[in-house]
Amino acid sequence: MISRIALATTLIVITILALLPINTIRGIELTFWKLPIAADKIAHLMAFLVISGFMDSFQYQYAFNLKTAAIAALYGIYIEGLQSLTDYRHPSFWDIVANCVGIFMYWALTPLWKITPVLRIRWKYKHQEKRIVTHSHH
């Protein structure tokens, strides 16, 4: 239940933040290598790493897989599409790339999450639940 609330809250907050008008920095050319843009991409990466974690815990009985990763990526594309409907926010291909890197990082770091004290409890529960389901079918 907590993971469902956390996932819903995170998606709502990210959607709102993505659609709020932002102050643009006038007269300063922003490139990928300057901090504001790099910080934005890091924020995207971190947001989608967290979203992936909440999605994984939301469906604790299944391993994080391509379907889950694709749903997270589609959410990021959806947000960029919503931004295109505003006259003050603009969609970015590089935001989508940063989102996907965050999703991939979550997936690639799964072995680390499984040994992290706070998170490993969930995987223990996943494996116990899987054994219960498997035994109940016999």
Protein backbone atom coordinates (compact mmCIF):
# COMPACT_ATOMS: atom_id res chain seq x y z
CA MET A 1 0.00 0.00 0.00
CA ILE A 2 2.82 2.41 0.87
CA SER A 3 4.49 1.83 -2.50
CA ARG A 4 1.22 2.57 -4.31
CA ILE A 5 0.81 5.85 -2.45
CA ALA A 6 4.48 6.73 -3.03
CA LEU A 7 4.23 5.96 -6.75
CA ALA A 8 0.99 7.93 -7.19
CA THR A 9 2.31 10.89 -5.21
CA THR A 10 5.59 10.91 -7.13
CA LEU A 11 3.84 10.79 -10.51
CA ILE A 12 1.45 13.59 -9.54
CA VAL A 13 4.25 15.82 -8.20
CA ILE A 14 6.49 15.21 -11.23
CA THR A 15 3.62 15.88 -13.64
CA ILE A 16 2.78 19.15 -11.89
CA LEU A 17 6.43 20.26 -11.74
CA ALA A 18 6.90 19.38 -15.41
CA LEU A 19 3.97 21.56 -16.42
CA LEU A 20 4.61 24.61 -14.21
CA PRO A 21 6.02 27.66 -15.95
CA ILE A 22 9.71 28.14 -15.24
CA ASN A 23 11.76 31.29 -15.32
CA THR A 24 14.03 31.25 -18.31
CA ILE A 25 17.53 32.60 -18.06
CA ARG A 26 17.57 35.35 -20.66
CA GLY A 27 20.73 36.29 -22.47
CA ILE A 28 22.67 33.23 -21.36
CA GLU A 29 23.27 30.48 -23.87
CA LEU A 30 22.71 27.21 -22.08
CA THR A 31 24.62 24.26 -23.43
CA PHE A 32 24.66 20.68 -22.24
CA TRP A 33 27.99 21.26 -20.47
CA LYS A 34 26.89 24.21 -18.32
CA LEU A 35 25.50 23.41 -14.90
CA PRO A 36 21.81 24.39 -15.35
CA ILE A 37 21.33 21.94 -18.24
CA ALA A 38 23.48 19.22 -16.66
CA ALA A 39 21.59 19.65 -13.37
CA ASP A 40 18.28 19.34 -15.25
CA LYS A 41 19.38 16.10 -16.89
CA ILE A 42 20.62 14.74 -13.55
CA ALA A 43 17.23 15.66 -12.04
CA HIS A 44 15.48 13.74 -14.84
CA LEU A 45 17.77 10.75 -14.33
CA MET A 46 17.19 10.72 -10.56
CA ALA A 47 13.42 11.19 -10.91
CA PHE A 48 13.15 8.19 -13.22
CA LEU A 49 15.46 6.10 -11.08
CA VAL A 50 13.04 6.75 -8.18
CA ILE A 51 9.94 6.20 -10.35
CA SER A 52 11.41 2.87 -11.48
CA GLY A 53 11.99 1.86 -7.87
CA PHE A 54 8.43 2.71 -6.89
CA MET A 55 7.08 0.88 -9.94
CA ASP A 56 9.16 -2.15 -9.01
CA SER A 57 7.89 -2.14 -5.43
CA PHE A 58 4.32 -1.51 -6.62
CA GLN A 59 4.40 -4.82 -8.47
CA TYR A 60 6.59 -6.59 -5.93
CA GLN A 61 5.57 -10.07 -7.09
CA TYR A 62 7.28 -9.56 -10.47
CA ALA A 63 10.86 -8.74 -11.36
CA PHE A 64 11.54 -5.34 -12.94
CA ASN A 65 11.36 -6.11 -16.64
CA LEU A 66 11.21 -4.58 -20.10
CA LYS A 67 7.45 -3.99 -19.83
CA THR A 68 7.85 -2.01 -16.60
CA ALA A 69 10.79 -0.08 -18.03
CA ALA A 70 8.76 0.72 -21.17
CA ILE A 71 5.82 1.99 -19.10
CA ALA A 72 8.16 4.30 -17.17
CA ALA A 73 9.73 5.53 -20.43
CA LEU A 74 6.29 6.13 -21.97
CA TYR A 75 5.33 8.21 -18.94
CA GLY A 76 8.42 10.38 -19.59
CA ILE A 77 7.49 10.74 -23.26
CA TYR A 78 3.91 11.60 -22.21
CA ILE A 79 5.21 14.39 -19.95
CA GLU A 80 7.32 15.79 -22.79
CA GLY A 81 4.22 15.66 -25.01
CA LEU A 82 2.20 17.57 -22.42
CA GLN A 83 4.95 20.19 -22.28
CA SER A 84 4.64 20.65 -26.04
CA LEU A 85 1.03 21.75 -25.49
CA THR A 86 2.14 24.72 -23.40
CA ASP A 87 3.65 27.92 -24.73
CA TYR A 88 6.14 28.17 -21.85
CA ARG A 89 7.63 24.64 -21.68
CA HIS A 90 9.27 22.74 -24.50
CA PRO A 91 9.78 19.01 -24.99
CA SER A 92 13.34 17.77 -25.09
CA PHE A 93 14.78 14.66 -26.67
CA TRP A 94 17.63 14.83 -24.13
CA ASP A 95 15.14 14.81 -21.25
CA ILE A 96 13.76 11.54 -22.64
CA VAL A 97 17.31 10.16 -22.92
CA ALA A 98 18.04 11.18 -19.29
CA ASN A 99 14.77 9.54 -18.19
CA CYS A 100 15.73 6.30 -19.93
CA VAL A 101 19.22 6.39 -18.40
CA GLY A 102 17.59 6.66 -14.95
CA ILE A 103 15.34 3.69 -15.72
CA PHE A 104 18.28 1.64 -16.99
CA MET A 105 20.37 2.60 -13.94
CA TYR A 106 17.64 1.36 -11.60
CA TRP A 107 17.47 -1.92 -13.51
CA ALA A 108 21.26 -2.32 -13.71
CA LEU A 109 21.67 -1.56 -10.00
CA THR A 110 19.07 -4.13 -8.89
CA PRO A 111 21.78 -6.38 -7.37
CA LEU A 112 22.85 -3.41 -5.22
CA TRP A 113 19.25 -2.66 -4.17
CA LYS A 114 18.89 -6.30 -3.08
CA ILE A 115 21.67 -5.93 -0.51
CA THR A 116 20.76 -2.40 0.64
CA PRO A 117 19.39 -2.78 4.21
CA VAL A 118 16.17 -0.78 3.76
CA LEU A 119 15.36 -2.21 0.33
CA ARG A 120 16.43 -5.85 0.68
CA ILE A 121 13.39 -6.58 2.85
CA ARG A 122 11.21 -6.08 -0.23
CA TRP A 123 13.16 -8.64 -2.25
CA LYS A 124 12.99 -11.10 0.60
CA TYR A 125 9.23 -10.61 0.60
CA LYS A 126 9.17 -10.97 -3.21
CA HIS A 127 10.90 -14.35 -3.01
CA GLN A 128 8.68 -15.57 -0.15
CA GLU A 129 5.55 -14.51 -2.04
CA LYS A 130 6.80 -16.28 -5.17
CA ARG A 131 7.33 -19.52 -3.21
CA ILE A 132 3.84 -19.28 -1.70
CA VAL A 133 2.27 -18.73 -5.13
CA THR A 134 4.31 -21.59 -6.64
CA HIS A 135 3.37 -24.02 -3.86
CA SER A 136 -0.31 -23.10 -3.94
CA HIS A 137 -0.54 -24.17 -7.60
CA HIS A 138 0.58 -27.73 -6.83
